[in-house]
N, C-alpha and C. Protein backbone atom coordinates (compact mmCIF):
# COMPACT_ATOMS: atom_id res chain seq x y z
N MET A 1 0.85 -1.21 0.03
CA MET A 1 0.02 0.01 0.00
C MET A 1 0.83 1.28 0.02
N LYS A 2 0.47 2.17 -0.66
CA LYS A 2 1.19 3.49 -0.74
C LYS A 2 1.22 4.18 0.62
N HIS A 3 2.28 5.07 0.82
CA HIS A 3 2.26 5.87 2.01
C HIS A 3 1.32 7.03 1.73
N SER A 4 0.90 7.69 2.84
CA SER A 4 -0.12 8.79 2.68
C SER A 4 0.41 9.93 1.98
N PRO A 5 -0.43 10.40 1.06
CA PRO A 5 -0.04 11.67 0.38
C PRO A 5 -0.24 12.86 1.32
N LEU A 6 0.36 13.95 0.86
CA LEU A 6 0.22 15.20 1.61
C LEU A 6 -1.28 15.61 1.67
N PRO A 7 -1.65 16.36 2.68
CA PRO A 7 -3.13 16.63 2.86
C PRO A 7 -3.76 17.33 1.61
N ASP A 8 -3.23 18.31 0.97
CA ASP A 8 -3.76 18.88 -0.15
C ASP A 8 -4.02 17.88 -1.31
N THR A 9 -2.99 17.04 -1.47
CA THR A 9 -3.12 15.97 -2.52
C THR A 9 -4.17 14.98 -2.11
N GLN A 10 -4.19 14.72 -0.87
CA GLN A 10 -5.25 13.76 -0.47
C GLN A 10 -6.64 14.27 -0.63
N ARG A 11 -6.81 15.56 -0.37
CA ARG A 11 -8.17 16.13 -0.54
C ARG A 11 -8.55 16.17 -2.04
N ILE A 12 -7.57 16.43 -2.92
CA ILE A 12 -7.88 16.39 -4.34
C ILE A 12 -8.16 15.04 -4.78
N GLU A 13 -7.43 14.09 -4.36
CA GLU A 13 -7.71 12.60 -4.78
C GLU A 13 -9.07 12.19 -4.19
N PHE A 14 -9.40 12.57 -3.04
CA PHE A 14 -10.74 12.19 -2.43
C PHE A 14 -11.82 12.80 -3.19
N GLY A 15 -11.67 14.12 -3.52
CA GLY A 15 -12.60 14.81 -4.37
C GLY A 15 -12.83 14.18 -5.80
N ARG A 16 -11.80 13.73 -6.34
CA ARG A 16 -11.86 13.10 -7.65
C ARG A 16 -12.60 11.69 -7.44
N ARG A 17 -12.32 11.01 -6.44
CA ARG A 17 -13.13 9.75 -6.28
C ARG A 17 -14.48 10.03 -6.05
N LEU A 18 -14.91 11.02 -5.29
CA LEU A 18 -16.31 11.34 -5.08
C LEU A 18 -17.00 11.79 -6.40
N ARG A 19 -16.30 12.60 -7.21
CA ARG A 19 -16.88 12.97 -8.51
C ARG A 19 -17.05 11.75 -9.44
N ASP A 20 -16.12 10.85 -9.51
CA ASP A 20 -16.15 9.66 -10.23
C ASP A 20 -17.37 8.79 -9.81
N LEU A 21 -17.52 8.59 -8.49
CA LEU A 21 -18.71 7.92 -7.95
C LEU A 21 -20.04 8.44 -8.28
N ARG A 22 -20.07 9.78 -8.22
CA ARG A 22 -21.25 10.54 -8.54
C ARG A 22 -21.58 10.42 -10.01
N LYS A 23 -20.65 10.51 -10.91
CA LYS A 23 -20.87 10.46 -12.28
C LYS A 23 -21.26 9.01 -12.74
N GLU A 24 -20.67 8.08 -12.06
CA GLU A 24 -21.01 6.64 -12.34
C GLU A 24 -22.47 6.47 -12.21
N ARG A 25 -22.99 7.16 -11.24
CA ARG A 25 -24.49 7.04 -10.96
C ARG A 25 -25.28 7.99 -11.84
N GLY A 26 -24.74 8.93 -12.49
CA GLY A 26 -25.38 9.82 -13.33
C GLY A 26 -26.11 10.96 -12.46
N TRP A 27 -25.68 11.20 -11.23
CA TRP A 27 -26.28 12.06 -10.30
C TRP A 27 -25.63 13.48 -10.38
N THR A 28 -26.44 14.47 -10.02
CA THR A 28 -25.97 15.87 -9.83
C THR A 28 -25.47 16.05 -8.41
N LEU A 29 -24.82 17.23 -8.15
CA LEU A 29 -24.46 17.55 -6.80
C LEU A 29 -25.67 17.57 -5.95
N SER A 30 -26.73 18.15 -6.47
CA SER A 30 -27.90 18.24 -5.73
C SER A 30 -28.49 16.89 -5.28
N GLU A 31 -28.41 15.85 -6.16
CA GLU A 31 -28.93 14.57 -5.80
C GLU A 31 -28.07 13.91 -4.74
N VAL A 32 -26.71 14.06 -4.84
CA VAL A 32 -25.81 13.60 -3.82
C VAL A 32 -26.14 14.17 -2.43
N ALA A 33 -26.31 15.43 -2.50
CA ALA A 33 -26.67 16.24 -1.30
C ALA A 33 -27.89 15.74 -0.65
N GLU A 34 -28.97 15.62 -1.47
CA GLU A 34 -30.25 15.12 -0.99
C GLU A 34 -30.13 13.78 -0.40
N LYS A 35 -29.45 12.76 -1.04
CA LYS A 35 -29.43 11.44 -0.63
C LYS A 35 -28.48 11.30 0.60
N SER A 36 -27.56 12.15 0.78
CA SER A 36 -26.62 12.05 1.95
C SER A 36 -26.98 12.88 3.19
N GLY A 37 -27.81 13.97 2.86
CA GLY A 37 -28.20 14.81 3.88
C GLY A 37 -27.08 15.95 4.16
N LEU A 38 -26.19 16.09 3.25
CA LEU A 38 -25.05 17.09 3.38
C LEU A 38 -25.62 18.31 2.42
N ALA A 39 -25.05 19.44 2.78
CA ALA A 39 -25.33 20.65 1.94
C ALA A 39 -24.73 20.49 0.56
N ILE A 40 -25.31 21.02 -0.42
CA ILE A 40 -24.74 21.12 -1.81
C ILE A 40 -23.34 21.80 -1.76
N SER A 41 -23.29 22.88 -1.14
CA SER A 41 -22.02 23.47 -1.05
C SER A 41 -20.92 22.54 -0.39
N THR A 42 -21.30 21.79 0.57
CA THR A 42 -20.32 20.89 1.19
C THR A 42 -19.86 19.82 0.25
N VAL A 43 -20.78 19.30 -0.49
CA VAL A 43 -20.43 18.23 -1.55
C VAL A 43 -19.55 18.82 -2.64
N SER A 44 -19.90 20.08 -3.09
CA SER A 44 -19.15 20.81 -4.10
C SER A 44 -17.70 21.03 -3.56
N LYS A 45 -17.49 21.58 -2.37
CA LYS A 45 -16.25 21.81 -1.84
C LYS A 45 -15.32 20.51 -1.74
N VAL A 46 -16.01 19.43 -1.29
CA VAL A 46 -15.32 18.17 -1.14
C VAL A 46 -14.85 17.77 -2.54
N GLU A 47 -15.69 17.78 -3.49
CA GLU A 47 -15.31 17.40 -4.91
C GLU A 47 -14.18 18.21 -5.42
N ARG A 48 -14.11 19.49 -5.06
CA ARG A 48 -13.01 20.39 -5.63
C ARG A 48 -11.76 20.30 -4.77
N GLY A 49 -11.74 19.42 -3.74
CA GLY A 49 -10.59 19.28 -2.87
C GLY A 49 -10.33 20.41 -1.99
N MET A 50 -11.43 21.27 -1.64
CA MET A 50 -11.29 22.39 -0.78
C MET A 50 -11.67 22.03 0.65
N MET A 51 -12.18 20.83 0.90
CA MET A 51 -12.71 20.50 2.24
C MET A 51 -12.56 19.07 2.42
N SER A 52 -12.20 18.66 3.79
CA SER A 52 -12.23 17.26 4.16
C SER A 52 -13.40 16.99 5.11
N LEU A 53 -13.93 15.85 5.19
CA LEU A 53 -15.18 15.49 5.95
C LEU A 53 -14.72 14.72 7.26
N THR A 54 -15.36 15.05 8.32
CA THR A 54 -15.17 14.24 9.49
C THR A 54 -15.84 12.85 9.33
N TYR A 55 -15.62 11.97 10.21
CA TYR A 55 -16.08 10.64 10.07
C TYR A 55 -17.64 10.52 9.96
N ASP A 56 -18.39 11.31 10.80
CA ASP A 56 -19.77 11.21 10.67
C ASP A 56 -20.33 11.66 9.29
N ARG A 57 -19.72 12.67 8.75
CA ARG A 57 -20.18 13.12 7.49
C ARG A 57 -19.69 12.15 6.26
N LEU A 58 -18.46 11.50 6.51
CA LEU A 58 -18.01 10.52 5.55
C LEU A 58 -19.05 9.40 5.53
N ASN A 59 -19.51 8.98 6.74
CA ASN A 59 -20.59 7.99 6.90
C ASN A 59 -21.87 8.39 6.09
N LEU A 60 -22.29 9.57 6.31
CA LEU A 60 -23.47 10.01 5.57
C LEU A 60 -23.28 10.04 4.08
N LEU A 61 -22.11 10.46 3.57
CA LEU A 61 -21.85 10.51 2.15
C LEU A 61 -21.83 9.04 1.65
N ALA A 62 -21.17 8.20 2.33
CA ALA A 62 -21.06 6.81 1.86
C ALA A 62 -22.46 6.08 1.84
N ASN A 63 -23.32 6.35 2.83
CA ASN A 63 -24.66 5.77 2.85
C ASN A 63 -25.46 6.41 1.74
N GLY A 64 -25.35 7.66 1.48
CA GLY A 64 -26.09 8.32 0.43
C GLY A 64 -25.69 7.78 -0.97
N LEU A 65 -24.44 7.48 -1.19
CA LEU A 65 -23.96 6.91 -2.43
C LEU A 65 -24.19 5.50 -2.60
N GLY A 66 -24.48 4.81 -1.32
CA GLY A 66 -24.64 3.40 -1.42
C GLY A 66 -23.30 2.56 -1.52
N VAL A 67 -22.21 3.18 -0.97
CA VAL A 67 -20.84 2.56 -1.08
C VAL A 67 -20.30 2.40 0.31
N ASP A 68 -19.32 1.49 0.35
CA ASP A 68 -18.49 1.43 1.62
C ASP A 68 -17.64 2.62 1.74
N MET A 69 -17.46 3.09 2.97
CA MET A 69 -16.61 4.30 3.26
C MET A 69 -15.26 4.06 2.65
N ALA A 70 -14.64 2.90 2.75
CA ALA A 70 -13.38 2.66 2.16
C ALA A 70 -13.25 2.91 0.72
N THR A 71 -14.32 2.98 -0.01
CA THR A 71 -14.32 3.28 -1.48
C THR A 71 -13.75 4.62 -1.79
N PHE A 72 -13.85 5.62 -0.73
CA PHE A 72 -13.37 6.88 -0.96
C PHE A 72 -11.79 6.98 -0.96
N PHE A 73 -11.19 5.99 -0.36
CA PHE A 73 -9.72 5.92 -0.16
C PHE A 73 -9.00 5.04 -1.15
N THR A 74 -9.69 4.11 -1.70
CA THR A 74 -8.96 3.17 -2.70
C THR A 74 -10.03 2.73 -3.76
N THR A 75 -9.56 2.62 -5.08
CA THR A 75 -10.50 2.15 -6.06
C THR A 75 -10.62 0.70 -6.06
N GLU A 76 -9.69 0.00 -5.51
CA GLU A 76 -9.85 -1.52 -5.49
C GLU A 76 -9.91 -2.02 -4.04
N GLY A 77 -10.78 -2.93 -3.82
CA GLY A 77 -10.94 -3.53 -2.51
C GLY A 77 -11.61 -4.77 -2.60
N GLN A 78 -11.60 -5.54 -1.44
CA GLN A 78 -12.25 -6.87 -1.43
C GLN A 78 -13.21 -6.80 -0.24
N ASN A 79 -14.36 -7.41 -0.44
CA ASN A 79 -15.22 -7.52 0.77
C ASN A 79 -14.62 -8.44 1.87
N PHE A 80 -14.84 -8.11 3.08
CA PHE A 80 -14.42 -9.00 4.09
C PHE A 80 -15.30 -10.07 4.16
N GLU A 81 -14.81 -11.32 4.11
CA GLU A 81 -15.60 -12.55 4.05
C GLU A 81 -15.28 -13.39 5.41
N PRO A 82 -16.16 -14.30 5.82
CA PRO A 82 -15.96 -15.16 6.96
C PRO A 82 -14.60 -15.87 6.65
N GLY A 83 -13.79 -15.94 7.81
CA GLY A 83 -12.56 -16.53 7.70
C GLY A 83 -11.43 -15.59 7.13
N GLY A 84 -11.81 -14.39 6.96
CA GLY A 84 -10.88 -13.41 6.37
C GLY A 84 -9.77 -13.02 7.36
N PHE A 85 -8.75 -12.48 6.75
CA PHE A 85 -7.48 -12.18 7.61
C PHE A 85 -6.72 -11.08 6.78
N ALA A 86 -6.36 -10.12 7.60
CA ALA A 86 -5.58 -9.05 7.02
C ALA A 86 -4.60 -8.40 8.09
N VAL A 87 -3.40 -7.94 7.62
CA VAL A 87 -2.51 -7.33 8.50
C VAL A 87 -2.18 -5.91 7.91
N ALA A 88 -2.11 -4.92 8.83
CA ALA A 88 -1.75 -3.64 8.50
C ALA A 88 -0.47 -3.39 9.20
N ARG A 89 0.62 -3.12 8.44
CA ARG A 89 1.96 -2.88 9.01
C ARG A 89 1.96 -1.33 9.34
N LYS A 90 2.96 -1.04 10.22
CA LYS A 90 3.10 0.38 10.62
C LYS A 90 3.22 1.18 9.43
N GLY A 91 2.42 2.37 9.38
CA GLY A 91 2.59 3.29 8.22
C GLY A 91 1.64 2.93 7.05
N GLN A 92 0.87 1.77 7.10
CA GLN A 92 -0.05 1.43 6.06
C GLN A 92 -1.44 1.95 6.44
N PHE A 93 -1.88 3.00 5.90
CA PHE A 93 -3.24 3.57 6.13
C PHE A 93 -3.43 4.57 5.08
N GLN A 94 -4.71 5.10 5.04
CA GLN A 94 -5.08 6.19 4.13
C GLN A 94 -5.46 7.32 5.13
N ARG A 95 -4.83 8.50 4.75
CA ARG A 95 -4.97 9.63 5.60
C ARG A 95 -6.25 10.52 5.24
N GLN A 96 -6.90 10.99 6.25
CA GLN A 96 -8.01 11.97 6.08
C GLN A 96 -7.87 13.03 7.16
N GLU A 97 -7.47 14.20 6.65
CA GLU A 97 -7.12 15.27 7.66
C GLU A 97 -8.23 16.31 7.57
N THR A 98 -8.76 16.69 8.81
CA THR A 98 -9.69 17.78 8.94
C THR A 98 -9.03 18.85 9.83
N LYS A 99 -9.79 19.89 10.12
CA LYS A 99 -9.28 20.89 10.90
C LYS A 99 -8.83 20.53 12.28
N ASN A 100 -9.53 19.54 12.89
CA ASN A 100 -9.28 19.14 14.24
C ASN A 100 -8.73 17.75 14.46
N TYR A 101 -8.77 16.94 13.33
CA TYR A 101 -8.31 15.52 13.43
C TYR A 101 -7.44 15.12 12.22
N VAL A 102 -6.54 14.25 12.48
CA VAL A 102 -5.83 13.60 11.39
C VAL A 102 -6.20 12.08 11.48
N TYR A 103 -7.04 11.59 10.63
CA TYR A 103 -7.49 10.19 10.69
C TYR A 103 -6.54 9.37 9.93
N GLU A 104 -6.21 8.22 10.36
CA GLU A 104 -5.31 7.25 9.72
C GLU A 104 -6.27 6.01 9.55
N MET A 105 -6.86 5.94 8.45
CA MET A 105 -7.93 4.85 8.17
C MET A 105 -7.19 3.50 7.87
N LEU A 106 -7.42 2.53 8.77
CA LEU A 106 -6.70 1.27 8.64
C LEU A 106 -7.54 0.30 7.79
N PHE A 107 -6.90 -0.58 6.91
CA PHE A 107 -7.52 -1.51 6.19
C PHE A 107 -8.52 -0.90 5.17
N PRO A 108 -8.11 0.08 4.43
CA PRO A 108 -9.08 0.72 3.55
C PRO A 108 -9.37 -0.14 2.29
N GLU A 109 -8.45 -1.13 2.08
CA GLU A 109 -8.75 -2.08 0.94
C GLU A 109 -9.67 -3.20 1.36
N MET A 110 -10.10 -3.31 2.61
CA MET A 110 -10.95 -4.28 3.10
C MET A 110 -12.39 -3.62 3.22
N TRP A 111 -13.34 -3.98 2.33
CA TRP A 111 -14.68 -3.36 2.32
C TRP A 111 -15.64 -4.11 3.05
N HIS A 112 -16.66 -3.43 3.56
CA HIS A 112 -17.87 -4.04 4.35
C HIS A 112 -17.40 -4.73 5.59
N LYS A 113 -16.50 -4.00 6.24
CA LYS A 113 -16.05 -4.48 7.59
C LYS A 113 -17.19 -4.11 8.64
N ALA A 114 -17.25 -4.89 9.72
CA ALA A 114 -18.16 -4.65 10.79
C ALA A 114 -17.72 -3.50 11.61
N MET A 115 -16.44 -3.26 11.52
CA MET A 115 -15.80 -2.18 12.32
C MET A 115 -14.88 -1.31 11.47
N THR A 116 -14.69 -0.05 11.81
CA THR A 116 -13.79 0.89 11.12
C THR A 116 -12.75 1.21 12.08
N PRO A 117 -11.58 0.65 11.97
CA PRO A 117 -10.48 0.95 12.89
C PRO A 117 -9.67 2.23 12.31
N MET A 118 -9.30 3.09 13.19
CA MET A 118 -8.55 4.36 12.81
C MET A 118 -7.55 4.68 13.92
N MET A 119 -6.43 5.07 13.55
CA MET A 119 -5.55 5.78 14.47
C MET A 119 -5.56 7.13 14.10
N GLY A 120 -5.11 8.06 15.01
CA GLY A 120 -5.19 9.45 14.65
C GLY A 120 -4.50 10.33 15.62
N THR A 121 -4.52 11.63 15.21
CA THR A 121 -3.93 12.67 15.98
C THR A 121 -5.00 13.73 16.32
N LEU A 122 -5.23 14.16 17.50
CA LEU A 122 -6.03 15.17 17.76
C LEU A 122 -5.40 16.57 17.82
N LYS A 123 -5.81 17.44 16.84
CA LYS A 123 -5.16 18.73 16.76
C LYS A 123 -5.93 19.75 17.63
N ALA A 124 -7.21 19.49 17.95
CA ALA A 124 -8.09 20.34 18.72
C ALA A 124 -7.64 20.20 20.21
N HIS A 125 -7.65 21.35 20.87
CA HIS A 125 -7.33 21.42 22.34
C HIS A 125 -8.47 21.93 23.11
N ASP A 126 -9.58 22.34 22.48
CA ASP A 126 -10.64 22.93 23.27
C ASP A 126 -11.96 22.63 22.55
N ILE A 127 -13.05 22.43 23.24
CA ILE A 127 -14.38 22.17 22.59
C ILE A 127 -14.80 23.30 21.71
N LEU A 128 -14.25 24.48 21.98
CA LEU A 128 -14.59 25.72 21.13
C LEU A 128 -14.03 25.61 19.77
N ASP A 129 -13.08 24.70 19.59
CA ASP A 129 -12.45 24.50 18.27
C ASP A 129 -13.46 23.83 17.28
N PHE A 130 -14.54 23.31 17.78
CA PHE A 130 -15.54 22.50 16.98
C PHE A 130 -16.72 23.37 16.71
N ASP A 131 -17.41 23.07 15.50
CA ASP A 131 -18.62 23.81 15.22
C ASP A 131 -19.85 23.18 15.82
N GLU A 132 -19.69 21.75 15.85
CA GLU A 132 -20.85 21.06 16.45
C GLU A 132 -20.36 19.63 16.96
N PHE A 133 -21.20 18.96 17.66
CA PHE A 133 -20.92 17.58 18.06
C PHE A 133 -20.95 16.66 16.91
N VAL A 134 -20.13 15.63 16.97
CA VAL A 134 -20.22 14.53 15.92
C VAL A 134 -21.10 13.51 16.46
N ARG A 135 -21.99 12.86 15.49
CA ARG A 135 -22.79 11.73 15.90
C ARG A 135 -23.03 10.80 14.67
N HIS A 136 -23.06 9.60 14.92
CA HIS A 136 -23.28 8.61 13.79
C HIS A 136 -23.83 7.34 14.42
N PRO A 137 -24.46 6.50 13.62
CA PRO A 137 -25.00 5.27 14.22
C PRO A 137 -23.87 4.33 14.66
N GLY A 138 -24.21 3.57 15.65
CA GLY A 138 -23.22 2.50 16.09
C GLY A 138 -22.65 2.72 17.41
N GLN A 139 -21.50 2.07 17.59
CA GLN A 139 -20.81 2.20 18.89
C GLN A 139 -19.42 2.52 18.63
N GLU A 140 -18.73 3.11 19.69
CA GLU A 140 -17.39 3.61 19.40
C GLU A 140 -16.50 3.33 20.56
N PHE A 141 -15.20 2.92 20.29
CA PHE A 141 -14.22 2.70 21.24
C PHE A 141 -13.05 3.60 21.02
N LEU A 142 -12.53 4.25 22.13
CA LEU A 142 -11.42 5.08 21.92
C LEU A 142 -10.38 4.76 23.03
N MET A 143 -9.13 4.66 22.66
CA MET A 143 -8.01 4.41 23.57
C MET A 143 -6.98 5.47 23.34
N VAL A 144 -6.45 6.06 24.40
CA VAL A 144 -5.39 7.09 24.24
C VAL A 144 -4.04 6.42 24.17
N LEU A 145 -3.32 6.66 23.14
CA LEU A 145 -1.98 6.10 22.91
C LEU A 145 -0.85 6.95 23.47
N ASP A 146 -1.16 8.19 23.33
CA ASP A 146 -0.03 9.19 23.82
C ASP A 146 -0.83 10.56 24.03
N GLY A 147 -0.38 11.12 25.25
CA GLY A 147 -0.96 12.32 25.59
C GLY A 147 -2.27 12.16 26.54
N ALA A 148 -3.07 13.11 26.61
CA ALA A 148 -4.30 13.02 27.29
C ALA A 148 -5.42 13.53 26.50
N VAL A 149 -6.69 13.05 26.67
CA VAL A 149 -7.79 13.51 25.82
C VAL A 149 -8.99 13.87 26.70
N THR A 150 -9.72 14.95 26.44
CA THR A 150 -10.98 15.13 27.15
C THR A 150 -12.05 14.71 26.06
N VAL A 151 -12.94 13.89 26.53
CA VAL A 151 -14.09 13.37 25.82
C VAL A 151 -15.26 14.08 26.30
N HIS A 152 -16.03 14.69 25.32
CA HIS A 152 -17.21 15.37 25.72
C HIS A 152 -18.30 14.61 25.03
N ILE A 153 -19.34 14.21 25.82
CA ILE A 153 -20.54 13.53 25.31
C ILE A 153 -21.73 14.29 25.71
N GLU A 154 -22.65 14.66 24.88
CA GLU A 154 -23.74 15.50 25.13
C GLU A 154 -24.54 14.89 26.39
N GLY A 155 -24.84 15.86 27.33
CA GLY A 155 -25.59 15.39 28.47
C GLY A 155 -24.89 14.76 29.62
N ARG A 156 -23.48 14.74 29.44
CA ARG A 156 -22.61 14.20 30.45
C ARG A 156 -21.50 15.13 30.74
N ASP A 157 -20.90 14.89 31.99
CA ASP A 157 -19.73 15.66 32.25
C ASP A 157 -18.54 15.20 31.42
N PRO A 158 -17.59 16.13 31.00
CA PRO A 158 -16.45 15.71 30.29
C PRO A 158 -15.62 14.59 31.03
N VAL A 159 -14.98 13.71 30.44
CA VAL A 159 -14.12 12.78 30.93
C VAL A 159 -12.71 13.00 30.40
N VAL A 160 -11.80 13.02 31.24
CA VAL A 160 -10.37 13.08 30.83
C VAL A 160 -9.71 11.78 30.89
N LEU A 161 -9.22 11.30 29.76
CA LEU A 161 -8.51 10.05 29.64
C LEU A 161 -6.97 10.27 29.54
N GLU A 162 -6.18 9.53 30.25
CA GLU A 162 -4.77 9.56 30.16
C GLU A 162 -4.22 8.48 29.28
N GLN A 163 -2.97 8.48 28.98
CA GLN A 163 -2.36 7.44 28.12
C GLN A 163 -2.74 6.02 28.70
N GLY A 164 -3.23 5.19 27.88
CA GLY A 164 -3.68 3.80 28.24
C GLY A 164 -5.06 3.64 28.65
N ASP A 165 -5.78 4.81 28.96
CA ASP A 165 -7.18 4.83 29.32
C ASP A 165 -8.04 4.62 28.07
N SER A 166 -9.24 4.07 28.25
CA SER A 166 -10.17 3.95 27.08
C SER A 166 -11.62 4.24 27.53
N ILE A 167 -12.44 4.39 26.43
CA ILE A 167 -13.92 4.73 26.74
C ILE A 167 -14.67 3.90 25.62
N TYR A 168 -15.82 3.54 25.88
CA TYR A 168 -16.71 2.81 24.93
C TYR A 168 -18.11 3.46 25.13
N PHE A 169 -18.73 3.81 23.92
CA PHE A 169 -20.02 4.61 24.07
C PHE A 169 -20.90 4.38 22.83
N ASP A 170 -22.15 4.73 22.95
CA ASP A 170 -23.17 4.79 21.86
C ASP A 170 -22.81 6.05 21.06
N SER A 171 -22.28 5.87 19.84
CA SER A 171 -21.80 6.99 19.00
C SER A 171 -22.95 7.77 18.46
N ALA A 172 -24.21 7.35 18.56
CA ALA A 172 -25.35 8.23 18.14
C ALA A 172 -25.46 9.44 19.00
N GLN A 173 -24.87 9.39 20.28
CA GLN A 173 -24.82 10.52 21.12
C GLN A 173 -23.86 11.57 20.61
N GLY A 174 -24.10 12.80 20.65
CA GLY A 174 -23.14 13.82 20.20
C GLY A 174 -21.86 13.63 21.05
N HIS A 175 -20.70 13.71 20.31
CA HIS A 175 -19.47 13.49 21.04
C HIS A 175 -18.40 14.28 20.34
N LEU A 176 -17.34 14.58 21.12
CA LEU A 176 -16.19 15.34 20.59
C LEU A 176 -14.96 14.83 21.47
N TYR A 177 -13.79 14.87 20.86
CA TYR A 177 -12.54 14.60 21.61
C TYR A 177 -11.64 15.78 21.40
N ALA A 178 -10.92 16.16 22.39
CA ALA A 178 -9.94 17.27 22.32
C ALA A 178 -8.66 16.91 23.17
N SER A 179 -7.51 17.18 22.66
CA SER A 179 -6.33 17.05 23.45
C SER A 179 -6.39 17.79 24.81
N ALA A 180 -6.06 17.13 25.86
CA ALA A 180 -6.23 17.73 27.25
C ALA A 180 -4.91 18.42 27.57
N GLY A 181 -3.85 18.18 26.93
CA GLY A 181 -2.52 18.73 27.33
C GLY A 181 -2.12 19.76 26.13
N ASP A 182 -0.87 20.24 26.30
CA ASP A 182 -0.27 21.20 25.31
C ASP A 182 0.00 20.48 24.07
N GLN A 183 0.31 19.21 24.05
CA GLN A 183 0.65 18.50 22.81
C GLN A 183 -0.51 17.80 22.23
N ASP A 184 -0.47 17.59 20.89
CA ASP A 184 -1.52 16.83 20.20
C ASP A 184 -1.54 15.32 20.76
N ALA A 185 -2.61 14.83 20.95
CA ALA A 185 -2.74 13.42 21.50
C ALA A 185 -2.93 12.45 20.31
N ARG A 186 -2.45 11.26 20.62
CA ARG A 186 -2.61 10.17 19.65
C ARG A 186 -3.59 9.19 20.12
N ILE A 187 -4.49 8.67 19.27
CA ILE A 187 -5.56 7.80 19.71
C ILE A 187 -5.76 6.70 18.80
N LEU A 188 -6.44 5.69 19.33
CA LEU A 188 -6.90 4.62 18.47
C LEU A 188 -8.46 4.49 18.62
N VAL A 189 -9.10 4.57 17.46
CA VAL A 189 -10.61 4.52 17.53
C VAL A 189 -11.21 3.45 16.71
N VAL A 190 -12.19 2.72 17.24
CA VAL A 190 -12.83 1.75 16.51
C VAL A 190 -14.30 2.05 16.46
N CYS A 191 -14.89 2.26 15.24
CA CYS A 191 -16.38 2.59 15.14
C CYS A 191 -16.95 1.30 14.53
N ALA A 192 -18.10 0.90 15.18
CA ALA A 192 -18.81 -0.21 14.70
C ALA A 192 -20.23 0.09 14.40
N LEU A 193 -20.69 -0.24 13.29
CA LEU A 193 -22.08 -0.07 12.91
C LEU A 193 -22.84 -1.24 13.43
N THR A 194 -23.76 -1.10 14.32
CA THR A 194 -24.44 -2.27 14.94
C THR A 194 -25.93 -2.00 15.01
N GLU A 195 -26.66 -3.00 15.03
CA GLU A 195 -28.13 -2.79 15.36
C GLU A 195 -28.39 -3.11 16.79
N MET A 196 -28.81 -1.90 17.40
CA MET A 196 -29.06 -2.07 18.93
C MET A 196 -30.24 -2.88 19.16
N VAL A 197 -30.18 -3.77 20.21
CA VAL A 197 -31.31 -4.67 20.67
C VAL A 197 -31.85 -4.17 21.88
């Protein structure tokens, strides 16, 4: 697998993939926006490589287009099958950088996984760095690999996690992570789309 491109290049490549997927369907920007629940201006900016999406918006876009989220990061992939097996070596990931996060998407060539594992860096140091809470269907696991992280979940007191601490929660609740110290924190996150019983 290729090493991660620079953020500007990554945004342009991502936008090109989105445009190709949209055109394959014969859809307009307006149709993608309607099906995904994103603003037309957001879809347009992403296509032009001017904007990166957070995980929750990536999820909305993938659902709207009817594709696996990994499709945005690689043109070739295989569905995960029973008995499947894959190894990700250090440095093997696809990068997705936003204003507050650097996501390292693991196993992008493995499509239709029950879980989306990501490592990342938290650039945000204050809840005020965010425009709104993130929310998406499923469950989420976070472990702090380096530094400290403040986890904000709507309706709950903030929780500070130190290196080695972890948290597990319903990701349909609004949530945000911010580095609790002066340095950017490193994290491991696993998102799982599950049907709640």
